[in-house]
PDB file of all heavy atoms in Angstrom:
ATOM      1  N   GLU A   1     -80.207  21.357  42.168  1.00  0.00           N
ATOM      2  CA  GLU A   1     -81.033  22.133  43.156  1.00  0.00           C
ATOM      3  C   GLU A   1     -81.710  21.153  44.064  1.00  0.00           C
ATOM      4  O   GLU A   1     -82.205  21.530  45.175  1.00  0.00           O
ATOM      5  CB  GLU A   1     -82.078  22.969  42.418  1.00  0.00           C
ATOM      6  CG  GLU A   1     -81.510  23.989  41.468  1.00  0.00           C
ATOM      7  CD  GLU A   1     -81.317  23.430  40.052  1.00  0.00           C
ATOM      8  OE1 GLU A   1     -81.443  22.215  39.810  1.00  0.00           O
ATOM      9  OE2 GLU A   1     -81.077  24.270  39.133  1.00  0.00           O
ATOM     10  N   LEU A   2     -81.801  19.862  43.692  1.00  0.00           N
ATOM     11  CA  LEU A   2     -82.517  18.836  44.450  1.00  0.00           C
ATOM     12  C   LEU A   2     -81.540  17.702  44.913  1.00  0.00           C
ATOM     13  O   LEU A   2     -80.531  17.514  44.252  1.00  0.00           O
ATOM     14  CB  LEU A   2     -83.594  18.189  43.552  1.00  0.00           C
ATOM     15  CG  LEU A   2     -84.673  19.122  43.031  1.00  0.00           C
ATOM     16  CD1 LEU A   2     -85.466  18.429  41.913  1.00  0.00           C
ATOM     17  CD2 LEU A   2     -85.561  19.583  44.167  1.00  0.00           C
ATOM     18  N   PRO A   3     -81.901  16.972  45.947  1.00  0.00           N
ATOM     19  CA  PRO A   3     -81.131  15.764  46.310  1.00  0.00           C
ATOM     20  C   PRO A   3     -81.126  14.791  45.157  1.00  0.00           C
ATOM     21  O   PRO A   3     -82.065  14.760  44.318  1.00  0.00           O
ATOM     22  CB  PRO A   3     -81.860  15.198  47.499  1.00  0.00           C
ATOM     23  CG  PRO A   3     -82.666  16.398  48.025  1.00  0.00           C
ATOM     24  CD  PRO A   3     -83.026  17.227  46.840  1.00  0.00           C
ATOM     25  N   PHE A   4     -80.102  13.958  45.045  1.00  0.00           N
ATOM     26  CA  PHE A   4     -79.922  13.109  43.880  1.00  0.00           C
ATOM     27  C   PHE A   4     -81.182  12.252  43.572  1.00  0.00           C
ATOM     28  O   PHE A   4     -81.613  12.196  42.433  1.00  0.00           O
ATOM     29  CB  PHE A   4     -78.738  12.214  44.111  1.00  0.00           C
ATOM     30  CG  PHE A   4     -78.466  11.212  42.964  1.00  0.00           C
ATOM     31  CD1 PHE A   4     -77.954  11.666  41.756  1.00  0.00           C
ATOM     32  CD2 PHE A   4     -78.791   9.846  43.138  1.00  0.00           C
ATOM     33  CE1 PHE A   4     -77.722  10.798  40.695  1.00  0.00           C
ATOM     34  CE2 PHE A   4     -78.583   8.976  42.035  1.00  0.00           C
ATOM     35  CZ  PHE A   4     -78.046   9.458  40.856  1.00  0.00           C
ATOM     36  N   LEU A   5     -81.718  11.623  44.517  1.00  0.00           N
ATOM     37  CA  LEU A   5     -82.835  10.720  44.257  1.00  0.00           C
ATOM     38  C   LEU A   5     -84.066  11.401  43.761  1.00  0.00           C
ATOM     39  O   LEU A   5     -84.995  10.805  43.170  1.00  0.00           O
ATOM     40  CB  LEU A   5     -83.146   9.849  45.442  1.00  0.00           C
ATOM     41  CG  LEU A   5     -82.094   8.816  45.853  1.00  0.00           C
ATOM     42  CD1 LEU A   5     -82.509   8.057  47.090  1.00  0.00           C
ATOM     43  CD2 LEU A   5     -81.792   7.835  44.689  1.00  0.00           C
ATOM     44  N   GLU A   6     -84.194  12.729  43.981  1.00  0.00           N
ATOM     45  CA  GLU A   6     -85.328  13.518  43.537  1.00  0.00           C
ATOM     46  C   GLU A   6     -85.104  14.031  42.091  1.00  0.00           C
ATOM     47  O   GLU A   6     -86.053  14.580  41.521  1.00  0.00           O
ATOM     48  CB  GLU A   6     -85.616  14.708  44.463  1.00  0.00           C
ATOM     49  CG  GLU A   6     -85.998  14.254  45.881  1.00  0.00           C
ATOM     50  CD  GLU A   6     -86.256  15.417  46.794  1.00  0.00           C
ATOM     51  OE1 GLU A   6     -86.511  16.516  46.304  1.00  0.00           O
ATOM     52  OE2 GLU A   6     -86.208  15.228  48.008  1.00  0.00           O
ATOM     53  N   ARG A   7     -83.933  13.905  41.572  1.00  0.00           N
ATOM     54  CA  ARG A   7     -83.618  14.432  40.260  1.00  0.00           C
ATOM     55  C   ARG A   7     -84.247  13.573  39.134  1.00  0.00           C
ATOM     56  O   ARG A   7     -84.466  14.092  38.011  1.00  0.00           O
ATOM     57  CB  ARG A   7     -82.098  14.534  40.069  1.00  0.00           C
ATOM     58  CG  ARG A   7     -81.472  15.499  41.049  1.00  0.00           C
ATOM     59  CD  ARG A   7     -79.922  15.487  40.940  1.00  0.00           C
ATOM     60  NE  ARG A   7     -79.347  16.104  42.125  1.00  0.00           N
ATOM     61  CZ  ARG A   7     -78.032  16.141  42.391  1.00  0.00           C
ATOM     62  NH1 ARG A   7     -77.213  15.530  41.569  1.00  0.00           N
ATOM     63  NH2 ARG A   7     -77.604  16.696  43.536  1.00  0.00           N
ATOM     64  N   PHE A   8     -84.505  12.341  39.393  1.00  0.00           N
ATOM     65  CA  PHE A   8     -85.143  11.539  38.359  1.00  0.00           C
ATOM     66  C   PHE A   8     -86.499  12.070  37.973  1.00  0.00           C
ATOM     67  O   PHE A   8     -86.827  12.220  36.761  1.00  0.00           O
ATOM     68  CB  PHE A   8     -85.248  10.047  38.875  1.00  0.00           C
ATOM     69  CG  PHE A   8     -83.930   9.383  39.004  1.00  0.00           C
ATOM     70  CD1 PHE A   8     -83.181   9.548  40.207  1.00  0.00           C
ATOM     71  CD2 PHE A   8     -83.435   8.580  38.024  1.00  0.00           C
ATOM     72  CE1 PHE A   8     -81.983   8.887  40.376  1.00  0.00           C
ATOM     73  CE2 PHE A   8     -82.240   7.890  38.224  1.00  0.00           C
ATOM     74  CZ  PHE A   8     -81.461   8.084  39.361  1.00  0.00           C
ATOM     75  N   ALA A   9     -87.326  12.331  38.971  1.00  0.00           N
ATOM     76  CA  ALA A   9     -88.663  12.865  38.688  1.00  0.00           C
ATOM     77  C   ALA A   9     -88.567  14.257  38.096  1.00  0.00           C
ATOM     78  O   ALA A   9     -89.348  14.586  37.173  1.00  0.00           O
ATOM     79  CB  ALA A   9     -89.459  12.965  40.030  1.00  0.00           C
ATOM     80  N   ALA A  10     -87.589  15.064  38.531  1.00  0.00           N
ATOM     81  CA  ALA A  10     -87.477  16.397  37.994  1.00  0.00           C
ATOM     82  C   ALA A  10     -87.070  16.337  36.494  1.00  0.00           C
ATOM     83  O   ALA A  10     -87.593  17.098  35.672  1.00  0.00           O
ATOM     84  CB  ALA A  10     -86.417  17.176  38.742  1.00  0.00           C
ATOM     85  N   ALA A  11     -86.205  15.441  36.109  1.00  0.00           N
ATOM     86  CA  ALA A  11     -85.789  15.252  34.735  1.00  0.00           C
ATOM     87  C   ALA A  11     -87.047  14.836  33.863  1.00  0.00           C
ATOM     88  O   ALA A  11     -87.237  15.318  32.803  1.00  0.00           O
ATOM     89  CB  ALA A  11     -84.661  14.262  34.647  1.00  0.00           C
ATOM     90  N   SER A  12     -87.821  13.887  34.410  1.00  0.00           N
ATOM     91  CA  SER A  12     -88.979  13.459  33.672  1.00  0.00           C
ATOM     92  C   SER A  12     -89.938  14.587  33.497  1.00  0.00           C
ATOM     93  O   SER A  12     -90.550  14.752  32.417  1.00  0.00           O
ATOM     94  CB  SER A  12     -89.617  12.294  34.480  1.00  0.00           C
ATOM     95  OG  SER A  12     -90.809  11.869  33.839  1.00  0.00           O
ATOM     96  N   GLN A  13     -90.155  15.379  34.543  1.00  0.00           N
ATOM     97  CA  GLN A  13     -91.087  16.487  34.442  1.00  0.00           C
ATOM     98  C   GLN A  13     -90.647  17.547  33.439  1.00  0.00           C
ATOM     99  O   GLN A  13     -91.474  18.257  32.843  1.00  0.00           O
ATOM    100  CB  GLN A  13     -91.275  17.108  35.834  1.00  0.00           C
ATOM    101  CG  GLN A  13     -92.066  16.248  36.769  1.00  0.00           C
ATOM    102  CD  GLN A  13     -91.939  16.703  38.237  1.00  0.00           C
ATOM    103  OE1 GLN A  13     -91.371  17.786  38.513  1.00  0.00           O
ATOM    104  NE2 GLN A  13     -92.418  15.891  39.173  1.00  0.00           N
ATOM    105  N   ALA A  14     -89.321  17.610  33.234  1.00  0.00           N
ATOM    106  CA  ALA A  14     -88.795  18.595  32.265  1.00  0.00           C
ATOM    107  C   ALA A  14     -88.827  18.071  30.876  1.00  0.00           C
ATOM    108  O   ALA A  14     -88.494  18.771  29.890  1.00  0.00           O
ATOM    109  CB  ALA A  14     -87.323  18.949  32.657  1.00  0.00           C
ATOM    110  N   GLY A  15     -89.225  16.809  30.686  1.00  0.00           N
ATOM    111  CA  GLY A  15     -89.358  16.212  29.338  1.00  0.00           C
ATOM    112  C   GLY A  15     -88.357  15.197  28.936  1.00  0.00           C
ATOM    113  O   GLY A  15     -88.443  14.638  27.825  1.00  0.00           O
ATOM    114  N   PHE A  16     -87.416  14.876  29.798  1.00  0.00           N
ATOM    115  CA  PHE A  16     -86.421  13.870  29.508  1.00  0.00           C
ATOM    116  C   PHE A  16     -86.963  12.471  29.619  1.00  0.00           C
ATOM    117  O   PHE A  16     -87.671  12.184  30.587  1.00  0.00           O
ATOM    118  CB  PHE A  16     -85.187  14.001  30.367  1.00  0.00           C
ATOM    119  CG  PHE A  16     -84.316  15.273  30.077  1.00  0.00           C
ATOM    120  CD1 PHE A  16     -84.539  16.412  30.848  1.00  0.00           C
ATOM    121  CD2 PHE A  16     -83.352  15.223  29.111  1.00  0.00           C
ATOM    122  CE1 PHE A  16     -83.756  17.525  30.595  1.00  0.00           C
ATOM    123  CE2 PHE A  16     -82.621  16.363  28.853  1.00  0.00           C
ATOM    124  CZ  PHE A  16     -82.818  17.498  29.572  1.00  0.00           C
ATOM    125  N   LYS A  17     -86.579  11.597  28.698  1.00  0.00           N
ATOM    126  CA  LYS A  17     -86.980  10.206  28.734  1.00  0.00           C
ATOM    127  C   LYS A  17     -85.871   9.328  29.256  1.00  0.00           C
ATOM    128  O   LYS A  17     -86.079   8.079  29.411  1.00  0.00           O
ATOM    129  CB  LYS A  17     -87.452   9.727  27.347  1.00  0.00           C
ATOM    130  CG  LYS A  17     -88.539  10.549  26.758  1.00  0.00           C
ATOM    131  CD  LYS A  17     -89.801  10.507  27.563  1.00  0.00           C
ATOM    132  CE  LYS A  17     -90.949  11.271  26.915  1.00  0.00           C
ATOM    133  NZ  LYS A  17     -92.123  11.397  27.778  1.00  0.00           N
ATOM    134  N   ALA A  18     -84.675   9.851  29.425  1.00  0.00           N
ATOM    135  CA  ALA A  18     -83.535   9.113  29.832  1.00  0.00           C
ATOM    136  C   ALA A  18     -82.622   9.919  30.692  1.00  0.00           C
ATOM    137  O   ALA A  18     -82.631  11.186  30.635  1.00  0.00           O
ATOM    138  CB  ALA A  18     -82.796   8.553  28.630  1.00  0.00           C
ATOM    139  N   VAL A  19     -81.816   9.235  31.507  1.00  0.00           N
ATOM    140  CA  VAL A  19     -80.877   9.916  32.384  1.00  0.00           C
ATOM    141  C   VAL A  19     -79.557   9.156  32.393  1.00  0.00           C
ATOM    142  O   VAL A  19     -79.494   7.978  32.084  1.00  0.00           O
ATOM    143  CB  VAL A  19     -81.404  10.034  33.824  1.00  0.00           C
ATOM    144  CG1 VAL A  19     -82.679  10.869  33.897  1.00  0.00           C
ATOM    145  CG2 VAL A  19     -81.571   8.726  34.491  1.00  0.00           C
ATOM    146  N   GLU A  20     -78.529   9.849  32.745  1.00  0.00           N
ATOM    147  CA  GLU A  20     -77.198   9.270  33.021  1.00  0.00           C
ATOM    148  C   GLU A  20     -76.627   9.980  34.299  1.00  0.00           C
ATOM    149  O   GLU A  20     -77.202  10.961  34.711  1.00  0.00           O
ATOM    150  CB  GLU A  20     -76.241   9.508  31.830  1.00  0.00           C
ATOM    151  CG  GLU A  20     -75.984  10.975  31.566  1.00  0.00           C
ATOM    152  CD  GLU A  20     -74.951  11.203  30.460  1.00  0.00           C
ATOM    153  OE1 GLU A  20     -74.890  10.349  29.526  1.00  0.00           O
ATOM    154  OE2 GLU A  20     -74.228  12.155  30.556  1.00  0.00           O
ATOM    155  N   PHE A  21     -75.619   9.446  34.859  1.00  0.00           N
ATOM    156  CA  PHE A  21     -74.983  10.114  36.008  1.00  0.00           C
ATOM    157  C   PHE A  21     -73.556   9.535  36.199  1.00  0.00           C
ATOM    158  O   PHE A  21     -73.207   8.531  35.601  1.00  0.00           O
ATOM    159  CB  PHE A  21     -75.821   9.925  37.275  1.00  0.00           C
ATOM    160  CG  PHE A  21     -76.566   8.603  37.405  1.00  0.00           C
ATOM    161  CD1 PHE A  21     -75.851   7.482  37.800  1.00  0.00           C
ATOM    162  CD2 PHE A  21     -77.881   8.483  37.007  1.00  0.00           C
ATOM    163  CE1 PHE A  21     -76.553   6.263  37.928  1.00  0.00           C
ATOM    164  CE2 PHE A  21     -78.527   7.287  37.118  1.00  0.00           C
ATOM    165  CZ  PHE A  21     -77.869   6.160  37.624  1.00  0.00           C
ATOM    166  N   LEU A  22     -72.863  10.174  37.035  1.00  0.00           N
ATOM    167  CA  LEU A  22     -71.453   9.782  37.292  1.00  0.00           C
ATOM    168  C   LEU A  22     -71.403   8.450  38.065  1.00  0.00           C
ATOM    169  O   LEU A  22     -70.879   7.479  37.555  1.00  0.00           O
ATOM    170  CB  LEU A  22     -70.709  10.873  38.076  1.00  0.00           C
ATOM    171  CG  LEU A  22     -69.269  10.519  38.534  1.00  0.00           C
ATOM    172  CD1 LEU A  22     -68.390  10.349  37.280  1.00  0.00           C
ATOM    173  CD2 LEU A  22     -68.764  11.637  39.436  1.00  0.00           C
ATOM    174  N   ALA A  23     -71.934   8.409  39.265  1.00  0.00           N
ATOM    175  CA  ALA A  23     -71.832   7.209  40.068  1.00  0.00           C
ATOM    176  C   ALA A  23     -72.998   7.179  41.088  1.00  0.00           C
ATOM    177  O   ALA A  23     -73.259   8.152  41.750  1.00  0.00           O
ATOM    178  CB  ALA A  23     -70.501   7.271  40.873  1.00  0.00           C
ATOM    179  N   PRO A  24     -73.667   6.019  41.154  1.00  0.00           N
ATOM    180  CA  PRO A  24     -74.836   5.893  42.002  1.00  0.00           C
ATOM    181  C   PRO A  24     -74.536   5.264  43.387  1.00  0.00           C
ATOM    182  O   PRO A  24     -75.426   4.932  44.155  1.00  0.00           O
ATOM    183  CB  PRO A  24     -75.767   4.976  41.206  1.00  0.00           C
ATOM    184  CG  PRO A  24     -74.759   4.042  40.569  1.00  0.00           C
ATOM    185  CD  PRO A  24     -73.500   4.859  40.242  1.00  0.00           C
ATOM    186  N   TYR A  25     -73.246   5.085  43.735  1.00  0.00           N
ATOM    187  CA  TYR A  25     -72.879   4.139  44.787  1.00  0.00           C
ATOM    188  C   TYR A  25     -73.111   4.630  46.206  1.00  0.00           C
ATOM    189  O   TYR A  25     -72.925   3.866  47.136  1.00  0.00           O
ATOM    190  CB  TYR A  25     -71.441   3.692  44.539  1.00  0.00           C
ATOM    191  CG  TYR A  25     -71.170   3.196  43.139  1.00  0.00           C
ATOM    192  CD1 TYR A  25     -70.437   3.978  42.250  1.00  0.00           C
ATOM    193  CD2 TYR A  25     -71.769   2.032  42.689  1.00  0.00           C
ATOM    194  CE1 TYR A  25     -70.254   3.572  40.932  1.00  0.00           C
ATOM    195  CE2 TYR A  25     -71.585   1.605  41.382  1.00  0.00           C
ATOM    196  CZ  TYR A  25     -70.841   2.364  40.493  1.00  0.00           C
ATOM    197  OH  TYR A  25     -70.638   1.985  39.182  1.00  0.00           O
ATOM    198  N   ASP A  26     -73.521   5.882  46.309  1.00  0.00           N
ATOM    199  CA  ASP A  26     -73.937   6.363  47.694  1.00  0.00           C
ATOM    200  C   ASP A  26     -75.295   5.816  48.089  1.00  0.00           C
ATOM    201  O   ASP A  26     -75.677   5.964  49.214  1.00  0.00           O
ATOM    202  CB  ASP A  26     -73.971   7.917  47.675  1.00  0.00           C
ATOM    203  CG  ASP A  26     -72.570   8.513  47.695  1.00  0.00           C
ATOM    204  OD1 ASP A  26     -71.602   7.797  48.037  1.00  0.00           O
ATOM    205  OD2 ASP A  26     -72.512   9.704  47.328  1.00  0.00           O
ATOM    206  N   PHE A  27     -75.986   5.168  47.116  1.00  0.00           N
ATOM    207  CA  PHE A  27     -77.320   4.600  47.351  1.00  0.00           C
ATOM    208  C   PHE A  27     -77.286   3.202  46.881  1.00  0.00           C
ATOM    209  O   PHE A  27     -76.440   2.715  46.113  1.00  0.00           O
ATOM    210  CB  PHE A  27     -78.371   5.409  46.593  1.00  0.00           C
ATOM    211  CG  PHE A  27     -78.306   6.891  46.850  1.00  0.00           C
ATOM    212  CD1 PHE A  27     -77.547   7.700  46.040  1.00  0.00           C
ATOM    213  CD2 PHE A  27     -78.991   7.444  47.937  1.00  0.00           C
ATOM    214  CE1 PHE A  27     -77.539   9.091  46.304  1.00  0.00           C
ATOM    215  CE2 PHE A  27     -78.943   8.800  48.145  1.00  0.00           C
ATOM    216  CZ  PHE A  27     -78.216   9.622  47.377  1.00  0.00           C
ATOM    217  N   THR A  28     -78.205   2.399  47.387  1.00  0.00           N
ATOM    218  CA  THR A  28     -78.329   1.004  46.938  1.00  0.00           C
ATOM    219  C   THR A  28     -78.906   0.979  45.469  1.00  0.00           C
ATOM    220  O   THR A  28     -79.585   1.955  45.061  1.00  0.00           O
ATOM    221  CB  THR A  28     -79.288   0.199  47.826  1.00  0.00           C
ATOM    222  OG1 THR A  28     -80.616   0.642  47.689  1.00  0.00           O
ATOM    223  CG2 THR A  28     -78.849   0.264  49.310  1.00  0.00           C
ATOM    224  N   ALA A  29     -78.597  -0.036  44.784  1.00  0.00           N
ATOM    225  CA  ALA A  29     -79.158  -0.186  43.434  1.00  0.00           C
ATOM    226  C   ALA A  29     -80.664  -0.152  43.479  1.00  0.00           C
ATOM    227  O   ALA A  29     -81.289   0.409  42.518  1.00  0.00           O
ATOM    228  CB  ALA A  29     -78.612  -1.469  42.807  1.00  0.00           C
TER     229      ALA A  29
END
């Protein structure tokens, strides 16, 4: 529902302490 870079904060707010994803290469490291 959110742009990719905003999903990190959303996951944290939902209680997740870790994330994974397919590929980050549309953005700089």
